[in-house]
Protein backbone atom coordinates (compact mmCIF):
# COMPACT_ATOMS: atom_id res chain seq x y z
CA UNK A 1 0.00 0.00 0.00
CA UNK A 2 1.80 3.12 -1.24
CA UNK A 3 1.08 6.78 -1.70
CA UNK A 4 0.81 8.29 -5.18
CA UNK A 5 0.60 11.78 -6.59
CA UNK A 6 -2.07 11.55 -9.28
CA UNK A 7 -4.93 13.31 -11.06
CA UNK A 8 -8.52 13.36 -9.80
CA UNK A 9 -11.03 14.28 -12.53
CA UNK A 10 -13.65 16.95 -11.94
CA UNK A 11 -15.68 19.18 -14.22
CA UNK A 12 -18.58 18.59 -16.56
CA UNK A 13 -18.98 16.01 -19.28
CA UNK A 14 -16.43 16.67 -22.06
CA UNK A 15 -15.02 19.61 -20.05
CA UNK A 16 -12.45 18.02 -17.74
CA UNK A 17 -10.67 19.77 -14.91
CA UNK A 18 -8.17 17.90 -12.77
CA UNK A 19 -6.90 18.25 -9.24
CA UNK A 20 -3.39 17.01 -8.55
CA UNK A 21 -3.76 15.06 -5.31
CA UNK A 22 -1.76 12.87 -2.97
CA UNK A 23 -3.74 9.68 -2.37
CA UNK A 24 -3.39 6.12 -1.21
CA UNK A 25 -2.76 3.94 -4.25
CA UNK A 26 -5.80 1.79 -3.44
CA UNK A 27 -8.26 4.71 -3.17
CA UNK A 28 -10.66 5.33 -6.08
CA UNK A 29 -9.59 7.87 -8.72
CA UNK A 30 -12.00 10.59 -7.56
CA UNK A 31 -12.30 9.30 -4.00
CA UNK A 32 -10.59 10.02 -0.72
CA UNK A 33 -7.22 11.77 -0.87
CA UNK A 34 -4.67 13.01 1.65
CA UNK A 35 -3.94 16.47 0.23
CA UNK A 36 -4.59 18.61 -2.85
CA UNK A 37 -1.27 19.88 -4.20
CA UNK A 38 -2.26 21.52 -7.49
CA UNK A 39 -4.63 21.81 -10.44
CA UNK A 40 -4.50 21.09 -14.17
CA UNK A 41 -6.95 22.58 -16.67
CA UNK A 42 -6.38 21.19 -20.19
CA UNK A 43 -9.36 23.13 -21.62
CA UNK A 44 -7.44 26.42 -21.65
CA UNK A 45 -4.97 27.31 -24.39
CA UNK A 46 -2.23 26.84 -23.26
CA UNK A 47 -3.21 24.35 -20.55
CA UNK A 48 -3.09 25.86 -17.05
CA UNK A 49 -1.08 24.08 -14.37
CA UNK A 50 -0.81 25.32 -10.79
CA UNK A 51 1.50 23.51 -8.38
CA UNK A 52 2.34 23.79 -4.70
CA UNK A 53 6.01 22.91 -5.19
CA UNK A 54 6.91 22.80 -1.50
CA UNK A 55 4.14 20.31 -0.68
CA UNK A 56 4.91 18.16 -3.73
CA UNK A 57 8.57 18.01 -2.70
CA UNK A 58 7.53 17.12 0.87
CA UNK A 59 5.44 14.17 -0.34
CA UNK A 60 8.12 12.96 -2.75
CA UNK A 61 10.63 13.05 0.11
CA UNK A 62 8.18 10.97 2.18
CA UNK A 63 8.06 8.33 -0.59
CA UNK A 64 5.06 9.33 -2.72
CA UNK A 65 5.41 8.30 -6.35
CA UNK A 66 3.97 10.54 -9.11
CA UNK A 67 2.07 8.80 -11.89
CA UNK A 68 3.44 9.07 -15.43
CA UNK A 69 1.01 11.87 -16.35
CA UNK A 70 1.79 13.90 -13.23
CA UNK A 71 5.52 13.34 -13.74
CA UNK A 72 5.19 14.76 -17.27
CA UNK A 73 3.28 17.80 -15.95
CA UNK A 74 5.92 18.39 -13.28
CA UNK A 75 8.67 18.12 -15.87
CA UNK A 76 6.92 20.61 -18.21
CA UNK A 77 6.54 23.07 -15.34
CA UNK A 78 10.25 22.79 -14.50
CA UNK A 79 9.70 21.15 -11.12
CA UNK A 80 12.60 18.72 -11.46
CA UNK A 81 15.06 21.40 -12.56
CA UNK A 82 14.21 23.55 -9.52
CA UNK A 83 14.78 20.77 -7.01
CA UNK A 84 17.75 19.05 -8.64
C-alpha atoms as a PDB file:
ATOM      1  CA  UNK A   1       0.000   0.000   0.000  1.00  0.00           C
ATOM      2  CA  UNK A   2       1.800   3.120  -1.245  1.00  0.00           C
ATOM      3  CA  UNK A   3       1.080   6.779  -1.704  1.00  0.00           C
ATOM      4  CA  UNK A   4       0.813   8.287  -5.185  1.00  0.00           C
ATOM      5  CA  UNK A   5       0.600  11.780  -6.595  1.00  0.00           C
ATOM      6  CA  UNK A   6      -2.075  11.553  -9.275  1.00  0.00           C
ATOM      7  CA  UNK A   7      -4.929  13.306 -11.065  1.00  0.00           C
ATOM      8  CA  UNK A   8      -8.523  13.364  -9.799  1.00  0.00           C
ATOM      9  CA  UNK A   9     -11.034  14.275 -12.527  1.00  0.00           C
ATOM     10  CA  UNK A  10     -13.648  16.949 -11.936  1.00  0.00           C
ATOM     11  CA  UNK A  11     -15.676  19.181 -14.224  1.00  0.00           C
ATOM     12  CA  UNK A  12     -18.580  18.590 -16.556  1.00  0.00           C
ATOM     13  CA  UNK A  13     -18.979  16.012 -19.279  1.00  0.00           C
ATOM     14  CA  UNK A  14     -16.429  16.667 -22.061  1.00  0.00           C
ATOM     15  CA  UNK A  15     -15.021  19.609 -20.046  1.00  0.00           C
ATOM     16  CA  UNK A  16     -12.455  18.021 -17.745  1.00  0.00           C
ATOM     17  CA  UNK A  17     -10.670  19.766 -14.913  1.00  0.00           C
ATOM     18  CA  UNK A  18      -8.167  17.897 -12.773  1.00  0.00           C
ATOM     19  CA  UNK A  19      -6.896  18.254  -9.236  1.00  0.00           C
ATOM     20  CA  UNK A  20      -3.387  17.006  -8.546  1.00  0.00           C
ATOM     21  CA  UNK A  21      -3.763  15.063  -5.305  1.00  0.00           C
ATOM     22  CA  UNK A  22      -1.762  12.868  -2.968  1.00  0.00           C
ATOM     23  CA  UNK A  23      -3.743   9.682  -2.367  1.00  0.00           C
ATOM     24  CA  UNK A  24      -3.389   6.116  -1.212  1.00  0.00           C
ATOM     25  CA  UNK A  25      -2.757   3.942  -4.254  1.00  0.00           C
ATOM     26  CA  UNK A  26      -5.799   1.788  -3.441  1.00  0.00           C
ATOM     27  CA  UNK A  27      -8.261   4.706  -3.169  1.00  0.00           C
ATOM     28  CA  UNK A  28     -10.663   5.335  -6.083  1.00  0.00           C
ATOM     29  CA  UNK A  29      -9.591   7.873  -8.725  1.00  0.00           C
ATOM     30  CA  UNK A  30     -12.002  10.588  -7.563  1.00  0.00           C
ATOM     31  CA  UNK A  31     -12.304   9.303  -3.998  1.00  0.00           C
ATOM     32  CA  UNK A  32     -10.591  10.021  -0.724  1.00  0.00           C
ATOM     33  CA  UNK A  33      -7.222  11.772  -0.868  1.00  0.00           C
ATOM     34  CA  UNK A  34      -4.674  13.014   1.646  1.00  0.00           C
ATOM     35  CA  UNK A  35      -3.939  16.467   0.227  1.00  0.00           C
ATOM     36  CA  UNK A  36      -4.592  18.606  -2.851  1.00  0.00           C
ATOM     37  CA  UNK A  37      -1.266  19.885  -4.202  1.00  0.00           C
ATOM     38  CA  UNK A  38      -2.263  21.517  -7.491  1.00  0.00           C
ATOM     39  CA  UNK A  39      -4.629  21.809 -10.443  1.00  0.00           C
ATOM     40  CA  UNK A  40      -4.505  21.092 -14.174  1.00  0.00           C
ATOM     41  CA  UNK A  41      -6.950  22.576 -16.674  1.00  0.00           C
ATOM     42  CA  UNK A  42      -6.382  21.193 -20.192  1.00  0.00           C
ATOM     43  CA  UNK A  43      -9.364  23.132 -21.619  1.00  0.00           C
ATOM     44  CA  UNK A  44      -7.437  26.419 -21.655  1.00  0.00           C
ATOM     45  CA  UNK A  45      -4.966  27.306 -24.395  1.00  0.00           C
ATOM     46  CA  UNK A  46      -2.229  26.839 -23.258  1.00  0.00           C
ATOM     47  CA  UNK A  47      -3.206  24.349 -20.550  1.00  0.00           C
ATOM     48  CA  UNK A  48      -3.091  25.857 -17.054  1.00  0.00           C
ATOM     49  CA  UNK A  49      -1.084  24.084 -14.373  1.00  0.00           C
ATOM     50  CA  UNK A  50      -0.814  25.318 -10.786  1.00  0.00           C
ATOM     51  CA  UNK A  51       1.497  23.512  -8.378  1.00  0.00           C
ATOM     52  CA  UNK A  52       2.342  23.786  -4.696  1.00  0.00           C
ATOM     53  CA  UNK A  53       6.011  22.905  -5.188  1.00  0.00           C
ATOM     54  CA  UNK A  54       6.915  22.801  -1.497  1.00  0.00           C
ATOM     55  CA  UNK A  55       4.144  20.313  -0.679  1.00  0.00           C
ATOM     56  CA  UNK A  56       4.909  18.161  -3.725  1.00  0.00           C
ATOM     57  CA  UNK A  57       8.565  18.009  -2.703  1.00  0.00           C
ATOM     58  CA  UNK A  58       7.526  17.125   0.869  1.00  0.00           C
ATOM     59  CA  UNK A  59       5.439  14.172  -0.339  1.00  0.00           C
ATOM     60  CA  UNK A  60       8.118  12.962  -2.753  1.00  0.00           C
ATOM     61  CA  UNK A  61      10.628  13.047   0.109  1.00  0.00           C
ATOM     62  CA  UNK A  62       8.178  10.966   2.177  1.00  0.00           C
ATOM     63  CA  UNK A  63       8.064   8.333  -0.588  1.00  0.00           C
ATOM     64  CA  UNK A  64       5.057   9.335  -2.723  1.00  0.00           C
ATOM     65  CA  UNK A  65       5.407   8.297  -6.355  1.00  0.00           C
ATOM     66  CA  UNK A  66       3.972  10.537  -9.107  1.00  0.00           C
ATOM     67  CA  UNK A  67       2.071   8.798 -11.893  1.00  0.00           C
ATOM     68  CA  UNK A  68       3.437   9.074 -15.432  1.00  0.00           C
ATOM     69  CA  UNK A  69       1.013  11.873 -16.346  1.00  0.00           C
ATOM     70  CA  UNK A  70       1.787  13.900 -13.228  1.00  0.00           C
ATOM     71  CA  UNK A  71       5.521  13.340 -13.738  1.00  0.00           C
ATOM     72  CA  UNK A  72       5.186  14.763 -17.272  1.00  0.00           C
ATOM     73  CA  UNK A  73       3.276  17.801 -15.953  1.00  0.00           C
ATOM     74  CA  UNK A  74       5.919  18.389 -13.278  1.00  0.00           C
ATOM     75  CA  UNK A  75       8.672  18.119 -15.866  1.00  0.00           C
ATOM     76  CA  UNK A  76       6.924  20.610 -18.211  1.00  0.00           C
ATOM     77  CA  UNK A  77       6.536  23.071 -15.343  1.00  0.00           C
ATOM     78  CA  UNK A  78      10.246  22.790 -14.504  1.00  0.00           C
ATOM     79  CA  UNK A  79       9.703  21.155 -11.124  1.00  0.00           C
ATOM     80  CA  UNK A  80      12.601  18.721 -11.458  1.00  0.00           C
ATOM     81  CA  UNK A  81      15.057  21.397 -12.563  1.00  0.00           C
ATOM     82  CA  UNK A  82      14.209  23.554  -9.523  1.00  0.00           C
ATOM     83  CA  UNK A  83      14.778  20.774  -7.007  1.00  0.00           C
ATOM     84  CA  UNK A  84      17.746  19.045  -8.642  1.00  0.00           C
END
